[in-house]
PDBML (XML) file of the C-alpha atoms, coordinates in Angstrom:
<?xml version="1.0" encoding="UTF-8" ?>
<PDBx:datablock datablockName="MODEL"
   xmlns:PDBx="http://pdbml.pdb.org/schema/pdbx-v50.xsd"
   xmlns:xsi="http://www.w3.org/2001/XMLSchema-instance"
   xsi:schemaLocation="http://pdbml.pdb.org/schema/pdbx-v50.xsd pdbx-v50.xsd">
   <PDBx:atom_siteCategory>
      <PDBx:atom_site id="1">
         <PDBx:B_iso_or_equiv>0.00</PDBx:B_iso_or_equiv>
         <PDBx:Cartn_x>3.390</PDBx:Cartn_x>
         <PDBx:Cartn_y>-0.349</PDBx:Cartn_y>
         <PDBx:Cartn_z>28.517</PDBx:Cartn_z>
         <PDBx:auth_asym_id>A</PDBx:auth_asym_id>
         <PDBx:auth_atom_id>CA</PDBx:auth_atom_id>
         <PDBx:auth_comp_id>LEU</PDBx:auth_comp_id>
         <PDBx:auth_seq_id>1</PDBx:auth_seq_id>
         <PDBx:group_PDB>ATOM</PDBx:group_PDB>
         <PDBx:label_alt_id xsi:nil="true" />
         <PDBx:label_asym_id>A</PDBx:label_asym_id>
         <PDBx:label_atom_id>CA</PDBx:label_atom_id>
         <PDBx:label_comp_id>LEU</PDBx:label_comp_id>
         <PDBx:label_entity_id>1</PDBx:label_entity_id>
         <PDBx:label_seq_id>1</PDBx:label_seq_id>
         <PDBx:occupancy>1.00</PDBx:occupancy>
         <PDBx:pdbx_PDB_model_num>1</PDBx:pdbx_PDB_model_num>
         <PDBx:type_symbol>C</PDBx:type_symbol>
      </PDBx:atom_site>
      <PDBx:atom_site id="2">
         <PDBx:B_iso_or_equiv>0.00</PDBx:B_iso_or_equiv>
         <PDBx:Cartn_x>0.456</PDBx:Cartn_x>
         <PDBx:Cartn_y>1.916</PDBx:Cartn_y>
         <PDBx:Cartn_z>29.248</PDBx:Cartn_z>
         <PDBx:auth_asym_id>A</PDBx:auth_asym_id>
         <PDBx:auth_atom_id>CA</PDBx:auth_atom_id>
         <PDBx:auth_comp_id>LYS</PDBx:auth_comp_id>
         <PDBx:auth_seq_id>2</PDBx:auth_seq_id>
         <PDBx:group_PDB>ATOM</PDBx:group_PDB>
         <PDBx:label_alt_id xsi:nil="true" />
         <PDBx:label_asym_id>A</PDBx:label_asym_id>
         <PDBx:label_atom_id>CA</PDBx:label_atom_id>
         <PDBx:label_comp_id>LYS</PDBx:label_comp_id>
         <PDBx:label_entity_id>1</PDBx:label_entity_id>
         <PDBx:label_seq_id>2</PDBx:label_seq_id>
         <PDBx:occupancy>1.00</PDBx:occupancy>
         <PDBx:pdbx_PDB_model_num>1</PDBx:pdbx_PDB_model_num>
         <PDBx:type_symbol>C</PDBx:type_symbol>
      </PDBx:atom_site>
      <PDBx:atom_site id="3">
         <PDBx:B_iso_or_equiv>0.00</PDBx:B_iso_or_equiv>
         <PDBx:Cartn_x>-2.079</PDBx:Cartn_x>
         <PDBx:Cartn_y>0.479</PDBx:Cartn_y>
         <PDBx:Cartn_z>31.709</PDBx:Cartn_z>
         <PDBx:auth_asym_id>A</PDBx:auth_asym_id>
         <PDBx:auth_atom_id>CA</PDBx:auth_atom_id>
         <PDBx:auth_comp_id>PRO</PDBx:auth_comp_id>
         <PDBx:auth_seq_id>3</PDBx:auth_seq_id>
         <PDBx:group_PDB>ATOM</PDBx:group_PDB>
         <PDBx:label_alt_id xsi:nil="true" />
         <PDBx:label_asym_id>A</PDBx:label_asym_id>
         <PDBx:label_atom_id>CA</PDBx:label_atom_id>
         <PDBx:label_comp_id>PRO</PDBx:label_comp_id>
         <PDBx:label_entity_id>1</PDBx:label_entity_id>
         <PDBx:label_seq_id>3</PDBx:label_seq_id>
         <PDBx:occupancy>1.00</PDBx:occupancy>
         <PDBx:pdbx_PDB_model_num>1</PDBx:pdbx_PDB_model_num>
         <PDBx:type_symbol>C</PDBx:type_symbol>
      </PDBx:atom_site>
      <PDBx:atom_site id="4">
         <PDBx:B_iso_or_equiv>0.00</PDBx:B_iso_or_equiv>
         <PDBx:Cartn_x>-5.445</PDBx:Cartn_x>
         <PDBx:Cartn_y>-0.691</PDBx:Cartn_y>
         <PDBx:Cartn_z>30.336</PDBx:Cartn_z>
         <PDBx:auth_asym_id>A</PDBx:auth_asym_id>
         <PDBx:auth_atom_id>CA</PDBx:auth_atom_id>
         <PDBx:auth_comp_id>SER</PDBx:auth_comp_id>
         <PDBx:auth_seq_id>4</PDBx:auth_seq_id>
         <PDBx:group_PDB>ATOM</PDBx:group_PDB>
         <PDBx:label_alt_id xsi:nil="true" />
         <PDBx:label_asym_id>A</PDBx:label_asym_id>
         <PDBx:label_atom_id>CA</PDBx:label_atom_id>
         <PDBx:label_comp_id>SER</PDBx:label_comp_id>
         <PDBx:label_entity_id>1</PDBx:label_entity_id>
         <PDBx:label_seq_id>4</PDBx:label_seq_id>
         <PDBx:occupancy>1.00</PDBx:occupancy>
         <PDBx:pdbx_PDB_model_num>1</PDBx:pdbx_PDB_model_num>
         <PDBx:type_symbol>C</PDBx:type_symbol>
      </PDBx:atom_site>
      <PDBx:atom_site id="5">
         <PDBx:B_iso_or_equiv>0.00</PDBx:B_iso_or_equiv>
         <PDBx:Cartn_x>-4.474</PDBx:Cartn_x>
         <PDBx:Cartn_y>-0.025</PDBx:Cartn_y>
         <PDBx:Cartn_z>26.714</PDBx:Cartn_z>
         <PDBx:auth_asym_id>A</PDBx:auth_asym_id>
         <PDBx:auth_atom_id>CA</PDBx:auth_atom_id>
         <PDBx:auth_comp_id>ALA</PDBx:auth_comp_id>
         <PDBx:auth_seq_id>5</PDBx:auth_seq_id>
         <PDBx:group_PDB>ATOM</PDBx:group_PDB>
         <PDBx:label_alt_id xsi:nil="true" />
         <PDBx:label_asym_id>A</PDBx:label_asym_id>
         <PDBx:label_atom_id>CA</PDBx:label_atom_id>
         <PDBx:label_comp_id>ALA</PDBx:label_comp_id>
         <PDBx:label_entity_id>1</PDBx:label_entity_id>
         <PDBx:label_seq_id>5</PDBx:label_seq_id>
         <PDBx:occupancy>1.00</PDBx:occupancy>
         <PDBx:pdbx_PDB_model_num>1</PDBx:pdbx_PDB_model_num>
         <PDBx:type_symbol>C</PDBx:type_symbol>
      </PDBx:atom_site>
      <PDBx:atom_site id="6">
         <PDBx:B_iso_or_equiv>0.00</PDBx:B_iso_or_equiv>
         <PDBx:Cartn_x>-4.964</PDBx:Cartn_x>
         <PDBx:Cartn_y>-1.884</PDBx:Cartn_y>
         <PDBx:Cartn_z>23.451</PDBx:Cartn_z>
         <PDBx:auth_asym_id>A</PDBx:auth_asym_id>
         <PDBx:auth_atom_id>CA</PDBx:auth_atom_id>
         <PDBx:auth_comp_id>ARG</PDBx:auth_comp_id>
         <PDBx:auth_seq_id>6</PDBx:auth_seq_id>
         <PDBx:group_PDB>ATOM</PDBx:group_PDB>
         <PDBx:label_alt_id xsi:nil="true" />
         <PDBx:label_asym_id>A</PDBx:label_asym_id>
         <PDBx:label_atom_id>CA</PDBx:label_atom_id>
         <PDBx:label_comp_id>ARG</PDBx:label_comp_id>
         <PDBx:label_entity_id>1</PDBx:label_entity_id>
         <PDBx:label_seq_id>6</PDBx:label_seq_id>
         <PDBx:occupancy>1.00</PDBx:occupancy>
         <PDBx:pdbx_PDB_model_num>1</PDBx:pdbx_PDB_model_num>
         <PDBx:type_symbol>C</PDBx:type_symbol>
      </PDBx:atom_site>
      <PDBx:atom_site id="7">
         <PDBx:B_iso_or_equiv>0.00</PDBx:B_iso_or_equiv>
         <PDBx:Cartn_x>-3.769</PDBx:Cartn_x>
         <PDBx:Cartn_y>-1.992</PDBx:Cartn_y>
         <PDBx:Cartn_z>19.862</PDBx:Cartn_z>
         <PDBx:auth_asym_id>A</PDBx:auth_asym_id>
         <PDBx:auth_atom_id>CA</PDBx:auth_atom_id>
         <PDBx:auth_comp_id>HIS</PDBx:auth_comp_id>
         <PDBx:auth_seq_id>7</PDBx:auth_seq_id>
         <PDBx:group_PDB>ATOM</PDBx:group_PDB>
         <PDBx:label_alt_id xsi:nil="true" />
         <PDBx:label_asym_id>A</PDBx:label_asym_id>
         <PDBx:label_atom_id>CA</PDBx:label_atom_id>
         <PDBx:label_comp_id>HIS</PDBx:label_comp_id>
         <PDBx:label_entity_id>1</PDBx:label_entity_id>
         <PDBx:label_seq_id>7</PDBx:label_seq_id>
         <PDBx:occupancy>1.00</PDBx:occupancy>
         <PDBx:pdbx_PDB_model_num>1</PDBx:pdbx_PDB_model_num>
         <PDBx:type_symbol>C</PDBx:type_symbol>
      </PDBx:atom_site>
      <PDBx:atom_site id="8">
         <PDBx:B_iso_or_equiv>0.00</PDBx:B_iso_or_equiv>
         <PDBx:Cartn_x>-3.575</PDBx:Cartn_x>
         <PDBx:Cartn_y>-4.394</PDBx:Cartn_y>
         <PDBx:Cartn_z>16.934</PDBx:Cartn_z>
         <PDBx:auth_asym_id>A</PDBx:auth_asym_id>
         <PDBx:auth_atom_id>CA</PDBx:auth_atom_id>
         <PDBx:auth_comp_id>ILE</PDBx:auth_comp_id>
         <PDBx:auth_seq_id>8</PDBx:auth_seq_id>
         <PDBx:group_PDB>ATOM</PDBx:group_PDB>
         <PDBx:label_alt_id xsi:nil="true" />
         <PDBx:label_asym_id>A</PDBx:label_asym_id>
         <PDBx:label_atom_id>CA</PDBx:label_atom_id>
         <PDBx:label_comp_id>ILE</PDBx:label_comp_id>
         <PDBx:label_entity_id>1</PDBx:label_entity_id>
         <PDBx:label_seq_id>8</PDBx:label_seq_id>
         <PDBx:occupancy>1.00</PDBx:occupancy>
         <PDBx:pdbx_PDB_model_num>1</PDBx:pdbx_PDB_model_num>
         <PDBx:type_symbol>C</PDBx:type_symbol>
      </PDBx:atom_site>
      <PDBx:atom_site id="9">
         <PDBx:B_iso_or_equiv>0.00</PDBx:B_iso_or_equiv>
         <PDBx:Cartn_x>-0.043</PDBx:Cartn_x>
         <PDBx:Cartn_y>-5.432</PDBx:Cartn_y>
         <PDBx:Cartn_z>15.987</PDBx:Cartn_z>
         <PDBx:auth_asym_id>A</PDBx:auth_asym_id>
         <PDBx:auth_atom_id>CA</PDBx:auth_atom_id>
         <PDBx:auth_comp_id>GLN</PDBx:auth_comp_id>
         <PDBx:auth_seq_id>9</PDBx:auth_seq_id>
         <PDBx:group_PDB>ATOM</PDBx:group_PDB>
         <PDBx:label_alt_id xsi:nil="true" />
         <PDBx:label_asym_id>A</PDBx:label_asym_id>
         <PDBx:label_atom_id>CA</PDBx:label_atom_id>
         <PDBx:label_comp_id>GLN</PDBx:label_comp_id>
         <PDBx:label_entity_id>1</PDBx:label_entity_id>
         <PDBx:label_seq_id>9</PDBx:label_seq_id>
         <PDBx:occupancy>1.00</PDBx:occupancy>
         <PDBx:pdbx_PDB_model_num>1</PDBx:pdbx_PDB_model_num>
         <PDBx:type_symbol>C</PDBx:type_symbol>
      </PDBx:atom_site>
      <PDBx:atom_site id="10">
         <PDBx:B_iso_or_equiv>0.00</PDBx:B_iso_or_equiv>
         <PDBx:Cartn_x>0.019</PDBx:Cartn_x>
         <PDBx:Cartn_y>-6.207</PDBx:Cartn_y>
         <PDBx:Cartn_z>12.267</PDBx:Cartn_z>
         <PDBx:auth_asym_id>A</PDBx:auth_asym_id>
         <PDBx:auth_atom_id>CA</PDBx:auth_atom_id>
         <PDBx:auth_comp_id>LYS</PDBx:auth_comp_id>
         <PDBx:auth_seq_id>10</PDBx:auth_seq_id>
         <PDBx:group_PDB>ATOM</PDBx:group_PDB>
         <PDBx:label_alt_id xsi:nil="true" />
         <PDBx:label_asym_id>A</PDBx:label_asym_id>
         <PDBx:label_atom_id>CA</PDBx:label_atom_id>
         <PDBx:label_comp_id>LYS</PDBx:label_comp_id>
         <PDBx:label_entity_id>1</PDBx:label_entity_id>
         <PDBx:label_seq_id>10</PDBx:label_seq_id>
         <PDBx:occupancy>1.00</PDBx:occupancy>
         <PDBx:pdbx_PDB_model_num>1</PDBx:pdbx_PDB_model_num>
         <PDBx:type_symbol>C</PDBx:type_symbol>
      </PDBx:atom_site>
      <PDBx:atom_site id="11">
         <PDBx:B_iso_or_equiv>0.00</PDBx:B_iso_or_equiv>
         <PDBx:Cartn_x>3.138</PDBx:Cartn_x>
         <PDBx:Cartn_y>-7.499</PDBx:Cartn_y>
         <PDBx:Cartn_z>10.564</PDBx:Cartn_z>
         <PDBx:auth_asym_id>A</PDBx:auth_asym_id>
         <PDBx:auth_atom_id>CA</PDBx:auth_atom_id>
         <PDBx:auth_comp_id>GLU</PDBx:auth_comp_id>
         <PDBx:auth_seq_id>11</PDBx:auth_seq_id>
         <PDBx:group_PDB>ATOM</PDBx:group_PDB>
         <PDBx:label_alt_id xsi:nil="true" />
         <PDBx:label_asym_id>A</PDBx:label_asym_id>
         <PDBx:label_atom_id>CA</PDBx:label_atom_id>
         <PDBx:label_comp_id>GLU</PDBx:label_comp_id>
         <PDBx:label_entity_id>1</PDBx:label_entity_id>
         <PDBx:label_seq_id>11</PDBx:label_seq_id>
         <PDBx:occupancy>1.00</PDBx:occupancy>
         <PDBx:pdbx_PDB_model_num>1</PDBx:pdbx_PDB_model_num>
         <PDBx:type_symbol>C</PDBx:type_symbol>
      </PDBx:atom_site>
      <PDBx:atom_site id="12">
         <PDBx:B_iso_or_equiv>0.00</PDBx:B_iso_or_equiv>
         <PDBx:Cartn_x>3.801</PDBx:Cartn_x>
         <PDBx:Cartn_y>-9.506</PDBx:Cartn_y>
         <PDBx:Cartn_z>7.408</PDBx:Cartn_z>
         <PDBx:auth_asym_id>A</PDBx:auth_asym_id>
         <PDBx:auth_atom_id>CA</PDBx:auth_atom_id>
         <PDBx:auth_comp_id>LEU</PDBx:auth_comp_id>
         <PDBx:auth_seq_id>12</PDBx:auth_seq_id>
         <PDBx:group_PDB>ATOM</PDBx:group_PDB>
         <PDBx:label_alt_id xsi:nil="true" />
         <PDBx:label_asym_id>A</PDBx:label_asym_id>
         <PDBx:label_atom_id>CA</PDBx:label_atom_id>
         <PDBx:label_comp_id>LEU</PDBx:label_comp_id>
         <PDBx:label_entity_id>1</PDBx:label_entity_id>
         <PDBx:label_seq_id>12</PDBx:label_seq_id>
         <PDBx:occupancy>1.00</PDBx:occupancy>
         <PDBx:pdbx_PDB_model_num>1</PDBx:pdbx_PDB_model_num>
         <PDBx:type_symbol>C</PDBx:type_symbol>
      </PDBx:atom_site>
      <PDBx:atom_site id="13">
         <PDBx:B_iso_or_equiv>0.00</PDBx:B_iso_or_equiv>
         <PDBx:Cartn_x>3.620</PDBx:Cartn_x>
         <PDBx:Cartn_y>-12.773</PDBx:Cartn_y>
         <PDBx:Cartn_z>9.360</PDBx:Cartn_z>
         <PDBx:auth_asym_id>A</PDBx:auth_asym_id>
         <PDBx:auth_atom_id>CA</PDBx:auth_atom_id>
         <PDBx:auth_comp_id>GLU</PDBx:auth_comp_id>
         <PDBx:auth_seq_id>13</PDBx:auth_seq_id>
         <PDBx:group_PDB>ATOM</PDBx:group_PDB>
         <PDBx:label_alt_id xsi:nil="true" />
         <PDBx:label_asym_id>A</PDBx:label_asym_id>
         <PDBx:label_atom_id>CA</PDBx:label_atom_id>
         <PDBx:label_comp_id>GLU</PDBx:label_comp_id>
         <PDBx:label_entity_id>1</PDBx:label_entity_id>
         <PDBx:label_seq_id>13</PDBx:label_seq_id>
         <PDBx:occupancy>1.00</PDBx:occupancy>
         <PDBx:pdbx_PDB_model_num>1</PDBx:pdbx_PDB_model_num>
         <PDBx:type_symbol>C</PDBx:type_symbol>
      </PDBx:atom_site>
      <PDBx:atom_site id="14">
         <PDBx:B_iso_or_equiv>0.00</PDBx:B_iso_or_equiv>
         <PDBx:Cartn_x>0.907</PDBx:Cartn_x>
         <PDBx:Cartn_y>-12.120</PDBx:Cartn_y>
         <PDBx:Cartn_z>11.938</PDBx:Cartn_z>
         <PDBx:auth_asym_id>A</PDBx:auth_asym_id>
         <PDBx:auth_atom_id>CA</PDBx:auth_atom_id>
         <PDBx:auth_comp_id>PHE</PDBx:auth_comp_id>
         <PDBx:auth_seq_id>14</PDBx:auth_seq_id>
         <PDBx:group_PDB>ATOM</PDBx:group_PDB>
         <PDBx:label_alt_id xsi:nil="true" />
         <PDBx:label_asym_id>A</PDBx:label_asym_id>
         <PDBx:label_atom_id>CA</PDBx:label_atom_id>
         <PDBx:label_comp_id>PHE</PDBx:label_comp_id>
         <PDBx:label_entity_id>1</PDBx:label_entity_id>
         <PDBx:label_seq_id>14</PDBx:label_seq_id>
         <PDBx:occupancy>1.00</PDBx:occupancy>
         <PDBx:pdbx_PDB_model_num>1</PDBx:pdbx_PDB_model_num>
         <PDBx:type_symbol>C</PDBx:type_symbol>
      </PDBx:atom_site>
      <PDBx:atom_site id="15">
         <PDBx:B_iso_or_equiv>0.00</PDBx:B_iso_or_equiv>
         <PDBx:Cartn_x>-1.864</PDBx:Cartn_x>
         <PDBx:Cartn_y>-9.872</PDBx:Cartn_y>
         <PDBx:Cartn_z>13.186</PDBx:Cartn_z>
         <PDBx:auth_asym_id>A</PDBx:auth_asym_id>
         <PDBx:auth_atom_id>CA</PDBx:auth_atom_id>
         <PDBx:auth_comp_id>GLU</PDBx:auth_comp_id>
         <PDBx:auth_seq_id>15</PDBx:auth_seq_id>
         <PDBx:group_PDB>ATOM</PDBx:group_PDB>
         <PDBx:label_alt_id xsi:nil="true" />
         <PDBx:label_asym_id>A</PDBx:label_asym_id>
         <PDBx:label_atom_id>CA</PDBx:label_atom_id>
         <PDBx:label_comp_id>GLU</PDBx:label_comp_id>
         <PDBx:label_entity_id>1</PDBx:label_entity_id>
         <PDBx:label_seq_id>15</PDBx:label_seq_id>
         <PDBx:occupancy>1.00</PDBx:occupancy>
         <PDBx:pdbx_PDB_model_num>1</PDBx:pdbx_PDB_model_num>
         <PDBx:type_symbol>C</PDBx:type_symbol>
      </PDBx:atom_site>
      <PDBx:atom_site id="16">
         <PDBx:B_iso_or_equiv>0.00</PDBx:B_iso_or_equiv>
         <PDBx:Cartn_x>-2.606</PDBx:Cartn_x>
         <PDBx:Cartn_y>-9.967</PDBx:Cartn_y>
         <PDBx:Cartn_z>16.915</PDBx:Cartn_z>
         <PDBx:auth_asym_id>A</PDBx:auth_asym_id>
         <PDBx:auth_atom_id>CA</PDBx:auth_atom_id>
         <PDBx:auth_comp_id>ILE</PDBx:auth_comp_id>
         <PDBx:auth_seq_id>16</PDBx:auth_seq_id>
         <PDBx:group_PDB>ATOM</PDBx:group_PDB>
         <PDBx:label_alt_id xsi:nil="true" />
         <PDBx:label_asym_id>A</PDBx:label_asym_id>
         <PDBx:label_atom_id>CA</PDBx:label_atom_id>
         <PDBx:label_comp_id>ILE</PDBx:label_comp_id>
         <PDBx:label_entity_id>1</PDBx:label_entity_id>
         <PDBx:label_seq_id>16</PDBx:label_seq_id>
         <PDBx:occupancy>1.00</PDBx:occupancy>
         <PDBx:pdbx_PDB_model_num>1</PDBx:pdbx_PDB_model_num>
         <PDBx:type_symbol>C</PDBx:type_symbol>
      </PDBx:atom_site>
      <PDBx:atom_site id="17">
         <PDBx:B_iso_or_equiv>0.00</PDBx:B_iso_or_equiv>
         <PDBx:Cartn_x>-4.193</PDBx:Cartn_x>
         <PDBx:Cartn_y>-7.933</PDBx:Cartn_y>
         <PDBx:Cartn_z>19.670</PDBx:Cartn_z>
         <PDBx:auth_asym_id>A</PDBx:auth_asym_id>
         <PDBx:auth_atom_id>CA</PDBx:auth_atom_id>
         <PDBx:auth_comp_id>GLU</PDBx:auth_comp_id>
         <PDBx:auth_seq_id>17</PDBx:auth_seq_id>
         <PDBx:group_PDB>ATOM</PDBx:group_PDB>
         <PDBx:label_alt_id xsi:nil="true" />
         <PDBx:label_asym_id>A</PDBx:label_asym_id>
         <PDBx:label_atom_id>CA</PDBx:label_atom_id>
         <PDBx:label_comp_id>GLU</PDBx:label_comp_id>
         <PDBx:label_entity_id>1</PDBx:label_entity_id>
         <PDBx:label_seq_id>17</PDBx:label_seq_id>
         <PDBx:occupancy>1.00</PDBx:occupancy>
         <PDBx:pdbx_PDB_model_num>1</PDBx:pdbx_PDB_model_num>
         <PDBx:type_symbol>C</PDBx:type_symbol>
      </PDBx:atom_site>
      <PDBx:atom_site id="18">
         <PDBx:B_iso_or_equiv>0.00</PDBx:B_iso_or_equiv>
         <PDBx:Cartn_x>-1.887</PDBx:Cartn_x>
         <PDBx:Cartn_y>-6.432</PDBx:Cartn_y>
         <PDBx:Cartn_z>22.279</PDBx:Cartn_z>
         <PDBx:auth_asym_id>A</PDBx:auth_asym_id>
         <PDBx:auth_atom_id>CA</PDBx:auth_atom_id>
         <PDBx:auth_comp_id>VAL</PDBx:auth_comp_id>
         <PDBx:auth_seq_id>18</PDBx:auth_seq_id>
         <PDBx:group_PDB>ATOM</PDBx:group_PDB>
         <PDBx:label_alt_id xsi:nil="true" />
         <PDBx:label_asym_id>A</PDBx:label_asym_id>
         <PDBx:label_atom_id>CA</PDBx:label_atom_id>
         <PDBx:label_comp_id>VAL</PDBx:label_comp_id>
         <PDBx:label_entity_id>1</PDBx:label_entity_id>
         <PDBx:label_seq_id>18</PDBx:label_seq_id>
         <PDBx:occupancy>1.00</PDBx:occupancy>
         <PDBx:pdbx_PDB_model_num>1</PDBx:pdbx_PDB_model_num>
         <PDBx:type_symbol>C</PDBx:type_symbol>
      </PDBx:atom_site>
      <PDBx:atom_site id="19">
         <PDBx:B_iso_or_equiv>0.00</PDBx:B_iso_or_equiv>
         <PDBx:Cartn_x>-3.886</PDBx:Cartn_x>
         <PDBx:Cartn_y>-5.582</PDBx:Cartn_y>
         <PDBx:Cartn_z>25.375</PDBx:Cartn_z>
         <PDBx:auth_asym_id>A</PDBx:auth_asym_id>
         <PDBx:auth_atom_id>CA</PDBx:auth_atom_id>
         <PDBx:auth_comp_id>LYS</PDBx:auth_comp_id>
         <PDBx:auth_seq_id>19</PDBx:auth_seq_id>
         <PDBx:group_PDB>ATOM</PDBx:group_PDB>
         <PDBx:label_alt_id xsi:nil="true" />
         <PDBx:label_asym_id>A</PDBx:label_asym_id>
         <PDBx:label_atom_id>CA</PDBx:label_atom_id>
         <PDBx:label_comp_id>LYS</PDBx:label_comp_id>
         <PDBx:label_entity_id>1</PDBx:label_entity_id>
         <PDBx:label_seq_id>19</PDBx:label_seq_id>
         <PDBx:occupancy>1.00</PDBx:occupancy>
         <PDBx:pdbx_PDB_model_num>1</PDBx:pdbx_PDB_model_num>
         <PDBx:type_symbol>C</PDBx:type_symbol>
      </PDBx:atom_site>
      <PDBx:atom_site id="20">
         <PDBx:B_iso_or_equiv>0.00</PDBx:B_iso_or_equiv>
         <PDBx:Cartn_x>-2.593</PDBx:Cartn_x>
         <PDBx:Cartn_y>-4.542</PDBx:Cartn_y>
         <PDBx:Cartn_z>28.789</PDBx:Cartn_z>
         <PDBx:auth_asym_id>A</PDBx:auth_asym_id>
         <PDBx:auth_atom_id>CA</PDBx:auth_atom_id>
         <PDBx:auth_comp_id>THR</PDBx:auth_comp_id>
         <PDBx:auth_seq_id>20</PDBx:auth_seq_id>
         <PDBx:group_PDB>ATOM</PDBx:group_PDB>
         <PDBx:label_alt_id xsi:nil="true" />
         <PDBx:label_asym_id>A</PDBx:label_asym_id>
         <PDBx:label_atom_id>CA</PDBx:label_atom_id>
         <PDBx:label_comp_id>THR</PDBx:label_comp_id>
         <PDBx:label_entity_id>1</PDBx:label_entity_id>
         <PDBx:label_seq_id>20</PDBx:label_seq_id>
         <PDBx:occupancy>1.00</PDBx:occupancy>
         <PDBx:pdbx_PDB_model_num>1</PDBx:pdbx_PDB_model_num>
         <PDBx:type_symbol>C</PDBx:type_symbol>
      </PDBx:atom_site>
      <PDBx:atom_site id="21">
         <PDBx:B_iso_or_equiv>0.00</PDBx:B_iso_or_equiv>
         <PDBx:Cartn_x>-4.099</PDBx:Cartn_x>
         <PDBx:Cartn_y>-4.853</PDBx:Cartn_y>
         <PDBx:Cartn_z>32.253</PDBx:Cartn_z>
         <PDBx:auth_asym_id>A</PDBx:auth_asym_id>
         <PDBx:auth_atom_id>CA</PDBx:auth_atom_id>
         <PDBx:auth_comp_id>ASN</PDBx:auth_comp_id>
         <PDBx:auth_seq_id>21</PDBx:auth_seq_id>
         <PDBx:group_PDB>ATOM</PDBx:group_PDB>
         <PDBx:label_alt_id xsi:nil="true" />
         <PDBx:label_asym_id>A</PDBx:label_asym_id>
         <PDBx:label_atom_id>CA</PDBx:label_atom_id>
         <PDBx:label_comp_id>ASN</PDBx:label_comp_id>
         <PDBx:label_entity_id>1</PDBx:label_entity_id>
         <PDBx:label_seq_id>21</PDBx:label_seq_id>
         <PDBx:occupancy>1.00</PDBx:occupancy>
         <PDBx:pdbx_PDB_model_num>1</PDBx:pdbx_PDB_model_num>
         <PDBx:type_symbol>C</PDBx:type_symbol>
      </PDBx:atom_site>
      <PDBx:atom_site id="22">
         <PDBx:B_iso_or_equiv>0.00</PDBx:B_iso_or_equiv>
         <PDBx:Cartn_x>-4.384</PDBx:Cartn_x>
         <PDBx:Cartn_y>-2.149</PDBx:Cartn_y>
         <PDBx:Cartn_z>34.907</PDBx:Cartn_z>
         <PDBx:auth_asym_id>A</PDBx:auth_asym_id>
         <PDBx:auth_atom_id>CA</PDBx:auth_atom_id>
         <PDBx:auth_comp_id>SER</PDBx:auth_comp_id>
         <PDBx:auth_seq_id>22</PDBx:auth_seq_id>
         <PDBx:group_PDB>ATOM</PDBx:group_PDB>
         <PDBx:label_alt_id xsi:nil="true" />
         <PDBx:label_asym_id>A</PDBx:label_asym_id>
         <PDBx:label_atom_id>CA</PDBx:label_atom_id>
         <PDBx:label_comp_id>SER</PDBx:label_comp_id>
         <PDBx:label_entity_id>1</PDBx:label_entity_id>
         <PDBx:label_seq_id>22</PDBx:label_seq_id>
         <PDBx:occupancy>1.00</PDBx:occupancy>
         <PDBx:pdbx_PDB_model_num>1</PDBx:pdbx_PDB_model_num>
         <PDBx:type_symbol>C</PDBx:type_symbol>
      </PDBx:atom_site>
      <PDBx:atom_site id="23">
         <PDBx:B_iso_or_equiv>0.00</PDBx:B_iso_or_equiv>
         <PDBx:Cartn_x>-0.788</PDBx:Cartn_x>
         <PDBx:Cartn_y>-2.836</PDBx:Cartn_y>
         <PDBx:Cartn_z>36.021</PDBx:Cartn_z>
         <PDBx:auth_asym_id>A</PDBx:auth_asym_id>
         <PDBx:auth_atom_id>CA</PDBx:auth_atom_id>
         <PDBx:auth_comp_id>LEU</PDBx:auth_comp_id>
         <PDBx:auth_seq_id>23</PDBx:auth_seq_id>
         <PDBx:group_PDB>ATOM</PDBx:group_PDB>
         <PDBx:label_alt_id xsi:nil="true" />
         <PDBx:label_asym_id>A</PDBx:label_asym_id>
         <PDBx:label_atom_id>CA</PDBx:label_atom_id>
         <PDBx:label_comp_id>LEU</PDBx:label_comp_id>
         <PDBx:label_entity_id>1</PDBx:label_entity_id>
         <PDBx:label_seq_id>23</PDBx:label_seq_id>
         <PDBx:occupancy>1.00</PDBx:occupancy>
         <PDBx:pdbx_PDB_model_num>1</PDBx:pdbx_PDB_model_num>
         <PDBx:type_symbol>C</PDBx:type_symbol>
      </PDBx:atom_site>
      <PDBx:atom_site id="24">
         <PDBx:B_iso_or_equiv>0.00</PDBx:B_iso_or_equiv>
         <PDBx:Cartn_x>0.592</PDBx:Cartn_x>
         <PDBx:Cartn_y>-2.127</PDBx:Cartn_y>
         <PDBx:Cartn_z>32.540</PDBx:Cartn_z>
         <PDBx:auth_asym_id>A</PDBx:auth_asym_id>
         <PDBx:auth_atom_id>CA</PDBx:auth_atom_id>
         <PDBx:auth_comp_id>GLY</PDBx:auth_comp_id>
         <PDBx:auth_seq_id>24</PDBx:auth_seq_id>
         <PDBx:group_PDB>ATOM</PDBx:group_PDB>
         <PDBx:label_alt_id xsi:nil="true" />
         <PDBx:label_asym_id>A</PDBx:label_asym_id>
         <PDBx:label_atom_id>CA</PDBx:label_atom_id>
         <PDBx:label_comp_id>GLY</PDBx:label_comp_id>
         <PDBx:label_entity_id>1</PDBx:label_entity_id>
         <PDBx:label_seq_id>24</PDBx:label_seq_id>
         <PDBx:occupancy>1.00</PDBx:occupancy>
         <PDBx:pdbx_PDB_model_num>1</PDBx:pdbx_PDB_model_num>
         <PDBx:type_symbol>C</PDBx:type_symbol>
      </PDBx:atom_site>
      <PDBx:atom_site id="25">
         <PDBx:B_iso_or_equiv>0.00</PDBx:B_iso_or_equiv>
         <PDBx:Cartn_x>1.337</PDBx:Cartn_x>
         <PDBx:Cartn_y>-5.784</PDBx:Cartn_y>
         <PDBx:Cartn_z>31.734</PDBx:Cartn_z>
         <PDBx:auth_asym_id>A</PDBx:auth_asym_id>
         <PDBx:auth_atom_id>CA</PDBx:auth_atom_id>
         <PDBx:auth_comp_id>MET</PDBx:auth_comp_id>
         <PDBx:auth_seq_id>25</PDBx:auth_seq_id>
         <PDBx:group_PDB>ATOM</PDBx:group_PDB>
         <PDBx:label_alt_id xsi:nil="true" />
         <PDBx:label_asym_id>A</PDBx:label_asym_id>
         <PDBx:label_atom_id>CA</PDBx:label_atom_id>
         <PDBx:label_comp_id>MET</PDBx:label_comp_id>
         <PDBx:label_entity_id>1</PDBx:label_entity_id>
         <PDBx:label_seq_id>25</PDBx:label_seq_id>
         <PDBx:occupancy>1.00</PDBx:occupancy>
         <PDBx:pdbx_PDB_model_num>1</PDBx:pdbx_PDB_model_num>
         <PDBx:type_symbol>C</PDBx:type_symbol>
      </PDBx:atom_site>
   </PDBx:atom_siteCategory>
</PDBx:datablock>
């Protein structure tokens, strides 16, 4: 996972934010 990154994961059953910290977690 890239550090300090963000995207919206959108599937048929959910839509959530995936955000990482500076350690790539």
